[in-house]
PDB file of N, CA and C in Angstrom:
ATOM      1  N   MET A   1      30.805  11.541  -5.420  1.00  0.00           N
ATOM      2  CA  MET A   1      31.455  11.102  -5.242  1.00  0.00           C
ATOM      3  C   MET A   1      31.502  10.118  -3.943  1.00  0.00           C
ATOM      4  N   LEU A   2      31.168   9.805  -3.514  1.00  0.00           N
ATOM      5  CA  LEU A   2      31.159   9.096  -1.975  1.00  0.00           C
ATOM      6  C   LEU A   2      32.996   9.041  -1.471  1.00  0.00           C
ATOM      7  N   SER A   3      33.260   8.459  -0.576  1.00  0.00           N
ATOM      8  CA  SER A   3      34.470   9.007   0.218  1.00  0.00           C
ATOM      9  C   SER A   3      34.499   7.079   0.639  1.00  0.00           C
ATOM     10  N   HIS A   4      35.776   7.081   1.246  1.00  0.00           N
ATOM     11  CA  HIS A   4      35.859   5.230   0.388  1.00  0.00           C
ATOM     12  C   HIS A   4      35.665   5.190   2.037  1.00  0.00           C
ATOM     13  N   HIS A   5      35.399   5.513   3.008  1.00  0.00           N
ATOM     14  CA  HIS A   5      34.889   4.622   3.880  1.00  0.00           C
ATOM     15  C   HIS A   5      33.401   4.969   3.964  1.00  0.00           C
ATOM     16  N   ASP A   6      32.361   5.715   3.191  1.00  0.00           N
ATOM     17  CA  ASP A   6      31.132   5.779   2.940  1.00  0.00           C
ATOM     18  C   ASP A   6      30.841   4.289   2.120  1.00  0.00           C
ATOM     19  N   ARG A   7      31.873   4.081   0.659  1.00  0.00           N
ATOM     20  CA  ARG A   7      32.153   3.290   0.252  1.00  0.00           C
ATOM     21  C   ARG A   7      31.355   1.498   0.951  1.00  0.00           C
ATOM     22  N   GLN A   8      32.464   1.718   2.201  1.00  0.00           N
ATOM     23  CA  GLN A   8      32.534   0.253   2.915  1.00  0.00           C
ATOM     24  C   GLN A   8      31.620   0.140   3.500  1.00  0.00           C
ATOM     25  N   GLU A   9      30.735   1.311   4.059  1.00  0.00           N
ATOM     26  CA  GLU A   9      29.751   1.359   5.085  1.00  0.00           C
ATOM     27  C   GLU A   9      28.701   0.607   4.920  1.00  0.00           C
ATOM     28  N   LEU A  10      28.246   1.051   2.847  1.00  0.00           N
ATOM     29  CA  LEU A  10      27.331   1.053   1.810  1.00  0.00           C
ATOM     30  C   LEU A  10      27.464  -0.986   1.644  1.00  0.00           C
ATOM     31  N   GLU A  11      28.390  -1.112   1.856  1.00  0.00           N
ATOM     32  CA  GLU A  11      29.093  -2.418   1.102  1.00  0.00           C
ATOM     33  C   GLU A  11      28.646  -3.609   2.282  1.00  0.00           C
ATOM     34  N   LYS A  12      29.372  -3.054   3.603  1.00  0.00           N
ATOM     35  CA  LYS A  12      28.014  -3.375   5.261  1.00  0.00           C
ATOM     36  C   LYS A  12      26.351  -3.675   4.372  1.00  0.00           C
ATOM     37  N   ILE A  13      26.505  -3.133   4.640  1.00  0.00           N
ATOM     38  CA  ILE A  13      24.609  -3.159   4.948  1.00  0.00           C
ATOM     39  C   ILE A  13      24.255  -3.684   3.623  1.00  0.00           C
ATOM     40  N   GLU A  14      24.735  -3.773   2.099  1.00  0.00           N
ATOM     41  CA  GLU A  14      24.825  -4.513   1.222  1.00  0.00           C
ATOM     42  C   GLU A  14      24.557  -6.165   2.013  1.00  0.00           C
ATOM     43  N   ARG A  15      25.510  -6.525   2.240  1.00  0.00           N
ATOM     44  CA  ARG A  15      26.386  -8.207   2.963  1.00  0.00           C
ATOM     45  C   ARG A  15      25.019  -8.301   4.435  1.00  0.00           C
ATOM     46  N   TRP A  16      24.346  -7.121   4.800  1.00  0.00           N
ATOM     47  CA  TRP A  16      23.492  -7.251   6.160  1.00  0.00           C
ATOM     48  C   TRP A  16      22.464  -7.958   5.633  1.00  0.00           C
ATOM     49  N   PHE A  17      22.239  -6.977   4.367  1.00  0.00           N
ATOM     50  CA  PHE A  17      20.872  -7.248   3.877  1.00  0.00           C
ATOM     51  C   PHE A  17      20.885  -8.545   2.697  1.00  0.00           C
ATOM     52  N   GLU A  18      21.774  -8.842   2.506  1.00  0.00           N
ATOM     53  CA  GLU A  18      21.963 -10.341   1.608  1.00  0.00           C
ATOM     54  C   GLU A  18      21.430 -11.579   2.668  1.00  0.00           C
ATOM     55  N   LEU A  19      22.754 -11.455   3.776  1.00  0.00           N
ATOM     56  CA  LEU A  19      22.456 -12.474   4.782  1.00  0.00           C
ATOM     57  C   LEU A  19      20.533 -12.272   5.363  1.00  0.00           C
ATOM     58  N   THR A  20      20.316 -11.383   5.387  1.00  0.00           N
ATOM     59  CA  THR A  20      19.259 -11.002   6.882  1.00  0.00           C
ATOM     60  C   THR A  20      18.178 -10.942   5.733  1.00  0.00           C
ATOM     61  N   GLU A  21      17.477 -10.692   4.626  1.00  0.00           N
ATOM     62  CA  GLU A  21      16.833 -10.154   3.648  1.00  0.00           C
ATOM     63  C   GLU A  21      17.040 -11.413   2.042  1.00  0.00           C
ATOM     64  N   PRO A  22      17.146 -11.871   1.284  1.00  0.00           N
ATOM     65  CA  PRO A  22      17.906 -12.835   0.636  1.00  0.00           C
ATOM     66  C   PRO A  22      16.628 -12.106  -0.837  1.00  0.00           C
ATOM     67  N   ALA A  23      15.553 -11.518  -0.077  1.00  0.00           N
ATOM     68  CA  ALA A  23      14.100 -11.886  -1.259  1.00  0.00           C
ATOM     69  C   ALA A  23      14.786 -10.374  -1.103  1.00  0.00           C
ATOM     70  N   LEU A  24      14.083  -9.850  -0.386  1.00  0.00           N
ATOM     71  CA  LEU A  24      14.649  -8.302  -0.733  1.00  0.00           C
ATOM     72  C   LEU A  24      15.331  -7.891  -1.362  1.00  0.00           C
ATOM     73  N   ALA A  25      16.815  -8.814  -0.449  1.00  0.00           N
ATOM     74  CA  ALA A  25      18.111  -7.748  -1.625  1.00  0.00           C
ATOM     75  C   ALA A  25      18.532  -8.376  -3.406  1.00  0.00           C
ATOM     76  N   ALA A  26      17.433  -9.707  -3.300  1.00  0.00           N
ATOM     77  CA  ALA A  26      17.773  -9.570  -4.835  1.00  0.00           C
ATOM     78  C   ALA A  26      16.501  -9.296  -5.590  1.00  0.00           C
ATOM     79  N   ARG A  27      15.316  -8.403  -5.494  1.00  0.00           N
ATOM     80  CA  ARG A  27      14.603  -7.172  -5.150  1.00  0.00           C
ATOM     81  C   ARG A  27      14.871  -6.167  -6.089  1.00  0.00           C
ATOM     82  N   LEU A  28      15.576  -5.706  -4.593  1.00  0.00           N
ATOM     83  CA  LEU A  28      16.615  -4.272  -5.331  1.00  0.00           C
ATOM     84  C   LEU A  28      17.678  -4.574  -6.492  1.00  0.00           C
ATOM     85  N   ARG A  29      17.969  -5.994  -6.263  1.00  0.00           N
ATOM     86  CA  ARG A  29      19.181  -5.823  -7.247  1.00  0.00           C
ATOM     87  C   ARG A  29      18.778  -5.601  -8.459  1.00  0.00           C
ATOM     88  N   ALA A  30      16.964  -6.301  -9.129  1.00  0.00           N
ATOM     89  CA  ALA A  30      16.555  -6.877 -10.408  1.00  0.00           C
ATOM     90  C   ALA A  30      15.973  -5.119 -10.189  1.00  0.00           C
ATOM     91  N   GLY A  31      16.144  -4.580  -9.777  1.00  0.00           N
ATOM     92  CA  GLY A  31      14.884  -3.167  -9.704  1.00  0.00           C
ATOM     93  C   GLY A  31      13.902  -2.959 -10.453  1.00  0.00           C
ATOM     94  N   LYS A  32      12.894  -4.378 -10.428  1.00  0.00           N
ATOM     95  CA  LYS A  32      11.624  -4.554 -10.381  1.00  0.00           C
ATOM     96  C   LYS A  32      10.548  -3.882  -9.524  1.00  0.00           C
ATOM     97  N   PRO A  33       9.783  -2.951  -9.684  1.00  0.00           N
ATOM     98  CA  PRO A  33       9.053  -3.178  -8.686  1.00  0.00           C
ATOM     99  C   PRO A  33       7.861  -3.702  -7.788  1.00  0.00           C
ATOM    100  N   ALA A  34       7.911  -3.884  -6.651  1.00  0.00           N
ATOM    101  CA  ALA A  34       6.310  -5.572  -6.623  1.00  0.00           C
ATOM    102  C   ALA A  34       5.509  -5.574  -7.164  1.00  0.00           C
ATOM    103  N   ARG A  35       4.721  -5.860  -7.875  1.00  0.00           N
ATOM    104  CA  ARG A  35       2.963  -6.083  -7.739  1.00  0.00           C
ATOM    105  C   ARG A  35       2.933  -6.226  -6.794  1.00  0.00           C
ATOM    106  N   PRO A  36       0.998  -5.309  -7.211  1.00  0.00           N
ATOM    107  CA  PRO A  36       0.452  -5.967  -5.590  1.00  0.00           C
ATOM    108  C   PRO A  36      -0.539  -6.998  -5.812  1.00  0.00           C
ATOM    109  N   PRO A  37      -0.772  -8.141  -4.708  1.00  0.00           N
ATOM    110  CA  PRO A  37      -1.392  -9.169  -5.106  1.00  0.00           C
ATOM    111  C   PRO A  37      -2.952  -9.261  -5.449  1.00  0.00           C
ATOM    112  N   LEU A  38      -3.616  -9.313  -6.859  1.00  0.00           N
ATOM    113  CA  LEU A  38      -4.871  -9.726  -6.897  1.00  0.00           C
ATOM    114  C   LEU A  38      -5.967  -9.357  -5.237  1.00  0.00           C
ATOM    115  N   LEU A  39      -5.143 -10.468  -5.209  1.00  0.00           N
ATOM    116  CA  LEU A  39      -6.851  -9.917  -4.016  1.00  0.00           C
ATOM    117  C   LEU A  39      -6.557  -8.408  -3.062  1.00  0.00           C
ATOM    118  N   ARG A  40      -5.325  -7.902  -2.453  1.00  0.00           N
ATOM    119  CA  ARG A  40      -5.054  -7.316  -2.277  1.00  0.00           C
ATOM    120  C   ARG A  40      -6.383  -5.723  -3.299  1.00  0.00           C
ATOM    121  N   LEU A  41      -5.659  -6.284  -4.000  1.00  0.00           N
ATOM    122  CA  LEU A  41      -6.610  -4.657  -5.064  1.00  0.00           C
ATOM    123  C   LEU A  41      -7.636  -5.088  -5.529  1.00  0.00           C
ATOM    124  N   ALA A  42      -8.211  -6.229  -5.878  1.00  0.00           N
ATOM    125  CA  ALA A  42     -10.109  -6.629  -5.439  1.00  0.00           C
ATOM    126  C   ALA A  42     -10.506  -5.956  -4.187  1.00  0.00           C
ATOM    127  N   VAL A  43      -9.583  -5.898  -3.460  1.00  0.00           N
ATOM    128  CA  VAL A  43     -10.230  -5.223  -2.047  1.00  0.00           C
ATOM    129  C   VAL A  43     -10.806  -3.583  -2.219  1.00  0.00           C
ATOM    130  N   LEU A  44     -10.065  -3.327  -2.381  1.00  0.00           N
ATOM    131  CA  LEU A  44      -9.130  -1.430  -2.449  1.00  0.00           C
ATOM    132  C   LEU A  44     -10.024  -1.248  -3.376  1.00  0.00           C
ATOM    133  N   LEU A  45     -10.431  -2.575  -4.812  1.00  0.00           N
ATOM    134  CA  LEU A  45     -10.836  -1.157  -5.590  1.00  0.00           C
ATOM    135  C   LEU A  45     -12.693  -1.725  -4.653  1.00  0.00           C
ATOM    136  N   SER A  46     -13.169  -2.487  -4.043  1.00  0.00           N
ATOM    137  CA  SER A  46     -14.379  -3.136  -3.617  1.00  0.00           C
ATOM    138  C   SER A  46     -14.413  -2.068  -2.898  1.00  0.00           C
ATOM    139  N   ILE A  47     -13.524  -1.784  -2.334  1.00  0.00           N
ATOM    140  CA  ILE A  47     -14.239  -0.561  -0.761  1.00  0.00           C
ATOM    141  C   ILE A  47     -14.685   0.800  -1.471  1.00  0.00           C
ATOM    142  N   ASP A  48     -13.492   0.984  -2.311  1.00  0.00           N
ATOM    143  CA  ASP A  48     -13.903   2.302  -3.125  1.00  0.00           C
ATOM    144  C   ASP A  48     -14.615   2.497  -3.780  1.00  0.00           C
ATOM    145  N   ILE A  49     -15.500   1.899  -4.393  1.00  0.00           N
ATOM    146  CA  ILE A  49     -16.621   1.901  -5.326  1.00  0.00           C
ATOM    147  C   ILE A  49     -17.726   2.001  -4.542  1.00  0.00           C
ATOM    148  N   THR A  50     -17.173   1.301  -3.330  1.00  0.00           N
ATOM    149  CA  THR A  50     -18.607   1.256  -2.415  1.00  0.00           C
ATOM    150  C   THR A  50     -18.988   2.408  -2.175  1.00  0.00           C
ATOM    151  N   ALA A  51     -17.501   2.837  -1.338  1.00  0.00           N
ATOM    152  CA  ALA A  51     -17.787   3.656  -0.724  1.00  0.00           C
ATOM    153  C   ALA A  51     -18.525   5.288  -1.323  1.00  0.00           C
ATOM    154  N   GLY A  52     -17.728   5.716  -2.555  1.00  0.00           N
ATOM    155  CA  GLY A  52     -18.120   6.227  -3.255  1.00  0.00           C
ATOM    156  C   GLY A  52     -19.724   5.829  -4.488  1.00  0.00           C
ATOM    157  N   LEU A  53     -19.891   4.540  -4.181  1.00  0.00           N
ATOM    158  CA  LEU A  53     -21.471   5.283  -4.308  1.00  0.00           C
ATOM    159  C   LEU A  53     -22.152   5.132  -2.755  1.00  0.00           C
ATOM    160  N   LEU A  54     -22.544   4.947  -1.963  1.00  0.00           N
ATOM    161  CA  LEU A  54     -23.097   4.392  -1.154  1.00  0.00           C
ATOM    162  C   LEU A  54     -22.834   5.742  -0.437  1.00  0.00           C
ATOM    163  N   MET A  55     -22.368   7.070  -0.268  1.00  0.00           N
ATOM    164  CA  MET A  55     -21.943   8.324  -0.596  1.00  0.00           C
ATOM    165  C   MET A  55     -22.722  10.094  -1.631  1.00  0.00           C
ATOM    166  N   LEU A  56     -22.792   8.548  -2.677  1.00  0.00           N
ATOM    167  CA  LEU A  56     -23.191   8.584  -4.232  1.00  0.00           C
ATOM    168  C   LEU A  56     -24.819   9.334  -3.771  1.00  0.00           C
ATOM    169  N   LEU A  57     -24.966   7.674  -3.028  1.00  0.00           N
ATOM    170  CA  LEU A  57     -26.748   7.547  -3.082  1.00  0.00           C
ATOM    171  C   LEU A  57     -27.535   8.480  -1.754  1.00  0.00           C
ATOM    172  N   GLY A  58     -26.487   8.321  -1.312  1.00  0.00           N
ATOM    173  CA  GLY A  58     -26.966   9.426  -0.322  1.00  0.00           C
ATOM    174  C   GLY A  58     -26.978  10.580   0.074  1.00  0.00           C
ATOM    175  N   LEU A  59     -26.291  11.234  -1.560  1.00  0.00           N
ATOM    176  CA  LEU A  59     -26.370  12.611  -1.696  1.00  0.00           C
ATOM    177  C   LEU A  59     -28.051  12.741  -2.636  1.00  0.00           C
ATOM    178  N   ILE A  60     -27.950  11.621  -3.482  1.00  0.00           N
ATOM    179  CA  ILE A  60     -29.531  11.548  -4.194  1.00  0.00           C
ATOM    180  C   ILE A  60     -29.915  11.052  -4.102  1.00  0.00           C
ATOM    181  N   LEU A  61     -30.257  10.610  -3.100  1.00  0.00           N
ATOM    182  CA  LEU A  61     -31.502  10.921  -2.100  1.00  0.00           C
ATOM    183  C   LEU A  61     -31.544  11.076  -0.751  1.00  0.00           C
ATOM    184  N   ASN A  62     -30.680  12.129  -0.290  1.00  0.00           N
ATOM    185  CA  ASN A  62     -30.777  12.874   0.998  1.00  0.00           C
ATOM    186  C   ASN A  62     -30.847  11.982   1.886  1.00  0.00           C
ATOM    187  N   SER A  63     -29.860  10.790   1.994  1.00  0.00           N
ATOM    188  CA  SER A  63     -30.456  10.239   2.908  1.00  0.00           C
ATOM    189  C   SER A  63     -29.046  10.332   4.329  1.00  0.00           C
ATOM    190  N   PRO A  64     -29.677  10.638   5.380  1.00  0.00           N
ATOM    191  CA  PRO A  64     -28.216  10.652   5.945  1.00  0.00           C
ATOM    192  C   PRO A  64     -27.086   9.887   6.913  1.00  0.00           C
ATOM    193  N   ALA A  65     -28.317   8.392   6.605  1.00  0.00           N
ATOM    194  CA  ALA A  65     -27.932   7.177   6.679  1.00  0.00           C
ATOM    195  C   ALA A  65     -27.013   6.658   5.903  1.00  0.00           C
ATOM    196  N   LEU A  66     -26.804   6.273   4.732  1.00  0.00           N
ATOM    197  CA  LEU A  66     -26.471   6.351   3.217  1.00  0.00           C
ATOM    198  C   LEU A  66     -25.028   6.933   3.367  1.00  0.00           C
ATOM    199  N   LEU A  67     -25.252   8.425   3.781  1.00  0.00           N
ATOM    200  CA  LEU A  67     -24.401   9.735   3.984  1.00  0.00           C
ATOM    201  C   LEU A  67     -23.534   9.384   4.793  1.00  0.00           C
ATOM    202  N   LEU A  68     -23.517   9.124   6.077  1.00  0.00           N
ATOM    203  CA  LEU A  68     -23.114   8.478   7.028  1.00  0.00           C
ATOM    204  C   LEU A  68     -21.989   7.234   6.808  1.00  0.00           C
ATOM    205  N   THR A  69     -22.743   6.192   6.255  1.00  0.00           N
ATOM    206  CA  THR A  69     -22.324   4.674   6.227  1.00  0.00           C
ATOM    207  C   THR A  69     -21.143   5.208   4.785  1.00  0.00           C
ATOM    208  N   GLY A  70     -21.443   6.257   3.598  1.00  0.00           N
ATOM    209  CA  GLY A  70     -20.212   6.577   3.010  1.00  0.00           C
ATOM    210  C   GLY A  70     -19.452   6.838   3.494  1.00  0.00           C
ATOM    211  N   MET A  71     -19.523   7.894   3.847  1.00  0.00           N
ATOM    212  CA  MET A  71     -17.988   8.526   5.260  1.00  0.00           C
ATOM    213  C   MET A  71     -17.267   7.267   6.284  1.00  0.00           C
ATOM    214  N   ILE A  72     -17.732   5.961   6.336  1.00  0.00           N
ATOM    215  CA  ILE A  72     -17.408   5.186   7.213  1.00  0.00           C
ATOM    216  C   ILE A  72     -16.391   4.338   6.029  1.00  0.00           C
ATOM    217  N   ALA A  73     -16.832   4.440   4.729  1.00  0.00           N
ATOM    218  CA  ALA A  73     -15.929   3.332   3.991  1.00  0.00           C
ATOM    219  C   ALA A  73     -16.032   4.347   3.329  1.00  0.00           C
ATOM    220  N   VAL A  74     -15.420   5.085   2.951  1.00  0.00           N
ATOM    221  CA  VAL A  74     -14.475   6.089   2.830  1.00  0.00           C
ATOM    222  C   VAL A  74     -13.623   6.332   3.599  1.00  0.00           C
ATOM    223  N   THR A  75     -13.440   6.302   5.046  1.00  0.00           N
ATOM    224  CA  THR A  75     -12.582   6.660   5.854  1.00  0.00           C
ATOM    225  C   THR A  75     -12.415   5.379   5.955  1.00  0.00           C
ATOM    226  N   THR A  76     -12.803   4.309   6.448  1.00  0.00           N
ATOM    227  CA  THR A  76     -12.003   2.740   6.191  1.00  0.00           C
ATOM    228  C   THR A  76     -11.067   2.200   4.971  1.00  0.00           C
ATOM    229  N   ALA A  77     -11.528   3.487   4.039  1.00  0.00           N
ATOM    230  CA  ALA A  77     -10.844   2.710   2.182  1.00  0.00           C
ATOM    231  C   ALA A  77      -9.302   3.479   2.319  1.00  0.00           C
ATOM    232  N   VAL A  78      -9.402   4.802   3.391  1.00  0.00           N
ATOM    233  CA  VAL A  78      -8.584   5.693   4.099  1.00  0.00           C
ATOM    234  C   VAL A  78      -7.427   4.492   3.767  1.00  0.00           C
ATOM    235  N   ILE A  79      -7.635   4.188   5.159  1.00  0.00           N
ATOM    236  CA  ILE A  79      -6.701   3.542   6.283  1.00  0.00           C
ATOM    237  C   ILE A  79      -6.224   2.294   5.637  1.00  0.00           C
ATOM    238  N   VAL A  80      -7.394   1.610   4.421  1.00  0.00           N
ATOM    239  CA  VAL A  80      -6.487  -0.014   3.746  1.00  0.00           C
ATOM    240  C   VAL A  80      -5.698   0.869   3.230  1.00  0.00           C
ATOM    241  N   HIS A  81      -5.567   1.921   2.514  1.00  0.00           N
ATOM    242  CA  HIS A  81      -4.628   2.571   0.930  1.00  0.00           C
ATOM    243  C   HIS A  81      -3.529   2.254   2.121  1.00  0.00           C
ATOM    244  N   LEU A  82      -3.710   3.347   3.152  1.00  0.00           N
ATOM    245  CA  LEU A  82      -2.545   3.787   3.667  1.00  0.00           C
ATOM    246  C   LEU A  82      -1.707   2.453   4.366  1.00  0.00           C
ATOM    247  N   SER A  83      -2.784   1.850   4.654  1.00  0.00           N
ATOM    248  CA  SER A  83      -2.029   0.266   6.071  1.00  0.00           C
ATOM    249  C   SER A  83      -0.691  -0.771   5.089  1.00  0.00           C
ATOM    250  N   ARG A  84      -0.960  -1.353   5.850  1.00  0.00           N
ATOM    251  CA  ARG A  84       0.443  -2.573   4.667  1.00  0.00           C
ATOM    252  C   ARG A  84      -0.340  -3.807   4.544  1.00  0.00           C
ATOM    253  N   PHE A  85      -1.509  -3.622   4.511  1.00  0.00           N
ATOM    254  CA  PHE A  85      -2.427  -4.727   4.109  1.00  0.00           C
ATOM    255  C   PHE A  85      -2.544  -5.363   2.964  1.00  0.00           C
ATOM    256  N   GLY A  86      -1.593  -6.884   2.772  1.00  0.00           N
ATOM    257  CA  GLY A  86      -1.791  -7.601   1.944  1.00  0.00           C
ATOM    258  C   GLY A  86      -0.715  -7.741   1.053  1.00  0.00           C
ATOM    259  N   ARG A  87       0.612  -6.752   2.062  1.00  0.00           N
ATOM    260  CA  ARG A  87       1.439  -6.739   1.479  1.00  0.00           C
ATOM    261  C   ARG A  87       2.665  -7.428   1.913  1.00  0.00           C
ATOM    262  N   ASP A  88       3.662  -7.669   1.364  1.00  0.00           N
ATOM    263  CA  ASP A  88       4.682  -8.900   1.232  1.00  0.00           C
ATOM    264  C   ASP A  88       5.452  -8.614   2.391  1.00  0.00           C
TER     265      ASP A  88
END
């Protein structure tokens, strides 16, 4: 159970969110997670598939250039997955 002081502080934070970020407050109140934009999903999937195919081809064909390119693509995919690319 929260103390009276804690409840007051939470109410202040809630009012601050409603004043500064009304869209965020509405999303939090609705309780629905935001869906990723279609463009972001398409870019992520294409980078993932390209990276996997390049590494697979590099291994199958014993090509250091393709393997290196695949490793760079995997690194790019990780960076894009961890970044805030395409998010609100």
